[in-house]
């Protein structure tokens, strides 16, 4: 199985959230550290101009939103509790 590749930078709160989800899920993943501020030429091409961080890649699939990344992590790890829509409202 291919590993998820996470494009992130150290001080991103959403990047930290995603890294925590990956740790909780016990998934193997690869890290690509990017600049905090655009331009990010390689990532811009990969993400089609999406400018926020983090971005995840699994093979040819690119996930450009933390919720989309969380759904993919939940799917890969079989941990549905990571999906926000499945949490009870408080």
C-alpha atoms as a PDB file:
ATOM      1  CA  UNK A   1       0.000   0.000   0.000  1.00  0.00           C
ATOM      2  CA  UNK A   2       1.210   3.504  -0.775  1.00  0.00           C
ATOM      3  CA  UNK A   3       1.993   5.872   2.068  1.00  0.00           C
ATOM      4  CA  UNK A   4       0.189   9.146   2.482  1.00  0.00           C
ATOM      5  CA  UNK A   5       2.432  12.131   1.744  1.00  0.00           C
ATOM      6  CA  UNK A   6       1.726  15.185   3.894  1.00  0.00           C
ATOM      7  CA  UNK A   7       2.819  18.647   2.727  1.00  0.00           C
ATOM      8  CA  UNK A   8       2.976  20.860   5.809  1.00  0.00           C
ATOM      9  CA  UNK A   9       5.084  23.198   7.917  1.00  0.00           C
ATOM     10  CA  UNK A  10       5.914  22.927  11.602  1.00  0.00           C
ATOM     11  CA  UNK A  11       3.864  25.819  13.037  1.00  0.00           C
ATOM     12  CA  UNK A  12       0.635  25.147  11.131  1.00  0.00           C
ATOM     13  CA  UNK A  13      -2.170  24.327  13.605  1.00  0.00           C
ATOM     14  CA  UNK A  14      -4.018  22.396  10.893  1.00  0.00           C
ATOM     15  CA  UNK A  15      -0.817  20.554  10.013  1.00  0.00           C
ATOM     16  CA  UNK A  16      -0.411  19.630  13.691  1.00  0.00           C
ATOM     17  CA  UNK A  17      -4.013  18.394  13.798  1.00  0.00           C
ATOM     18  CA  UNK A  18      -3.373  16.234  10.735  1.00  0.00           C
ATOM     19  CA  UNK A  19      -0.114  14.857  12.153  1.00  0.00           C
ATOM     20  CA  UNK A  20      -1.959  13.985  15.384  1.00  0.00           C
ATOM     21  CA  UNK A  21      -4.677  12.165  13.402  1.00  0.00           C
ATOM     22  CA  UNK A  22      -2.030  10.189  11.511  1.00  0.00           C
ATOM     23  CA  UNK A  23      -0.386   9.212  14.797  1.00  0.00           C
ATOM     24  CA  UNK A  24      -3.704   8.207  16.340  1.00  0.00           C
ATOM     25  CA  UNK A  25      -4.569   6.180  13.235  1.00  0.00           C
ATOM     26  CA  UNK A  26      -1.181   4.448  13.285  1.00  0.00           C
ATOM     27  CA  UNK A  27      -0.620   5.064   9.587  1.00  0.00           C
ATOM     28  CA  UNK A  28       2.780   5.253   7.939  1.00  0.00           C
ATOM     29  CA  UNK A  29       3.251   8.546   6.141  1.00  0.00           C
ATOM     30  CA  UNK A  30       5.881  10.685   4.513  1.00  0.00           C
ATOM     31  CA  UNK A  31       6.579  14.309   5.328  1.00  0.00           C
ATOM     32  CA  UNK A  32       7.320  17.125   2.914  1.00  0.00           C
ATOM     33  CA  UNK A  33       8.050  20.403   4.675  1.00  0.00           C
ATOM     34  CA  UNK A  34       7.030  23.451   2.671  1.00  0.00           C
ATOM     35  CA  UNK A  35       7.405  27.191   3.118  1.00  0.00           C
ATOM     36  CA  UNK A  36       4.947  28.880   5.451  1.00  0.00           C
ATOM     37  CA  UNK A  37       3.952  31.497   2.873  1.00  0.00           C
ATOM     38  CA  UNK A  38       3.411  31.143  -0.861  1.00  0.00           C
ATOM     39  CA  UNK A  39       4.832  30.851  -3.396  1.00  0.00           C
ATOM     40  CA  UNK A  40       5.238  27.093  -3.150  1.00  0.00           C
ATOM     41  CA  UNK A  41       5.902  26.234  -6.813  1.00  0.00           C
ATOM     42  CA  UNK A  42       5.818  22.424  -6.609  1.00  0.00           C
ATOM     43  CA  UNK A  43       2.824  22.322  -4.282  1.00  0.00           C
ATOM     44  CA  UNK A  44       0.972  24.938  -6.351  1.00  0.00           C
ATOM     45  CA  UNK A  45       1.170  22.672  -9.388  1.00  0.00           C
ATOM     46  CA  UNK A  46       0.206  19.555  -7.421  1.00  0.00           C
ATOM     47  CA  UNK A  47      -2.748  21.209  -5.656  1.00  0.00           C
ATOM     48  CA  UNK A  48      -3.997  23.156  -8.664  1.00  0.00           C
ATOM     49  CA  UNK A  49      -3.463  26.548  -7.046  1.00  0.00           C
ATOM     50  CA  UNK A  50      -4.903  25.650  -3.626  1.00  0.00           C
ATOM     51  CA  UNK A  51      -2.877  27.797  -1.226  1.00  0.00           C
ATOM     52  CA  UNK A  52      -3.683  26.434   2.244  1.00  0.00           C
ATOM     53  CA  UNK A  53      -1.763  23.908   4.331  1.00  0.00           C
ATOM     54  CA  UNK A  54      -1.836  20.963   4.859  1.00  0.00           C
ATOM     55  CA  UNK A  55      -2.210  19.093   1.599  1.00  0.00           C
ATOM     56  CA  UNK A  56      -2.048  15.307   1.428  1.00  0.00           C
ATOM     57  CA  UNK A  57      -1.316  13.031  -1.498  1.00  0.00           C
ATOM     58  CA  UNK A  58      -1.974   9.332  -1.919  1.00  0.00           C
ATOM     59  CA  UNK A  59      -0.784   8.178  -5.315  1.00  0.00           C
ATOM     60  CA  UNK A  60      -2.542  10.340  -7.896  1.00  0.00           C
ATOM     61  CA  UNK A  61      -5.163  11.558  -5.384  1.00  0.00           C
ATOM     62  CA  UNK A  62      -4.612  14.945  -3.745  1.00  0.00           C
ATOM     63  CA  UNK A  63      -6.570  16.069  -0.667  1.00  0.00           C
ATOM     64  CA  UNK A  64      -6.615  19.844  -0.185  1.00  0.00           C
ATOM     65  CA  UNK A  65      -8.696  20.353   2.923  1.00  0.00           C
ATOM     66  CA  UNK A  66      -8.247  19.171   6.507  1.00  0.00           C
ATOM     67  CA  UNK A  67     -11.718  17.590   6.504  1.00  0.00           C
ATOM     68  CA  UNK A  68     -10.995  15.726   3.278  1.00  0.00           C
ATOM     69  CA  UNK A  69      -7.664  14.586   4.699  1.00  0.00           C
ATOM     70  CA  UNK A  70      -9.397  13.427   7.911  1.00  0.00           C
ATOM     71  CA  UNK A  71     -11.947  11.423   5.909  1.00  0.00           C
ATOM     72  CA  UNK A  72      -9.145   9.746   3.952  1.00  0.00           C
ATOM     73  CA  UNK A  73      -7.174   8.954   7.127  1.00  0.00           C
ATOM     74  CA  UNK A  74     -10.371   7.493   8.656  1.00  0.00           C
ATOM     75  CA  UNK A  75     -10.974   5.403   5.543  1.00  0.00           C
ATOM     76  CA  UNK A  76      -7.411   4.096   5.399  1.00  0.00           C
ATOM     77  CA  UNK A  77      -7.265   3.267   9.113  1.00  0.00           C
ATOM     78  CA  UNK A  78     -10.889   2.166   9.583  1.00  0.00           C
ATOM     79  CA  UNK A  79     -11.324   4.766  12.360  1.00  0.00           C
ATOM     80  CA  UNK A  80     -14.635   6.519  11.583  1.00  0.00           C
ATOM     81  CA  UNK A  81     -14.398   8.585  14.776  1.00  0.00           C
ATOM     82  CA  UNK A  82     -11.985  10.877  12.919  1.00  0.00           C
ATOM     83  CA  UNK A  83     -14.779  12.117  10.641  1.00  0.00           C
ATOM     84  CA  UNK A  84     -16.302  15.332  12.007  1.00  0.00           C
ATOM     85  CA  UNK A  85     -19.725  14.614  10.509  1.00  0.00           C
ATOM     86  CA  UNK A  86     -19.966  11.423  12.591  1.00  0.00           C
ATOM     87  CA  UNK A  87     -19.459  13.213  15.909  1.00  0.00           C
ATOM     88  CA  UNK A  88     -22.434  14.026  18.159  1.00  0.00           C
ATOM     89  CA  UNK A  89     -23.434  17.675  18.352  1.00  0.00           C
ATOM     90  CA  UNK A  90     -22.860  19.287  21.717  1.00  0.00           C
END
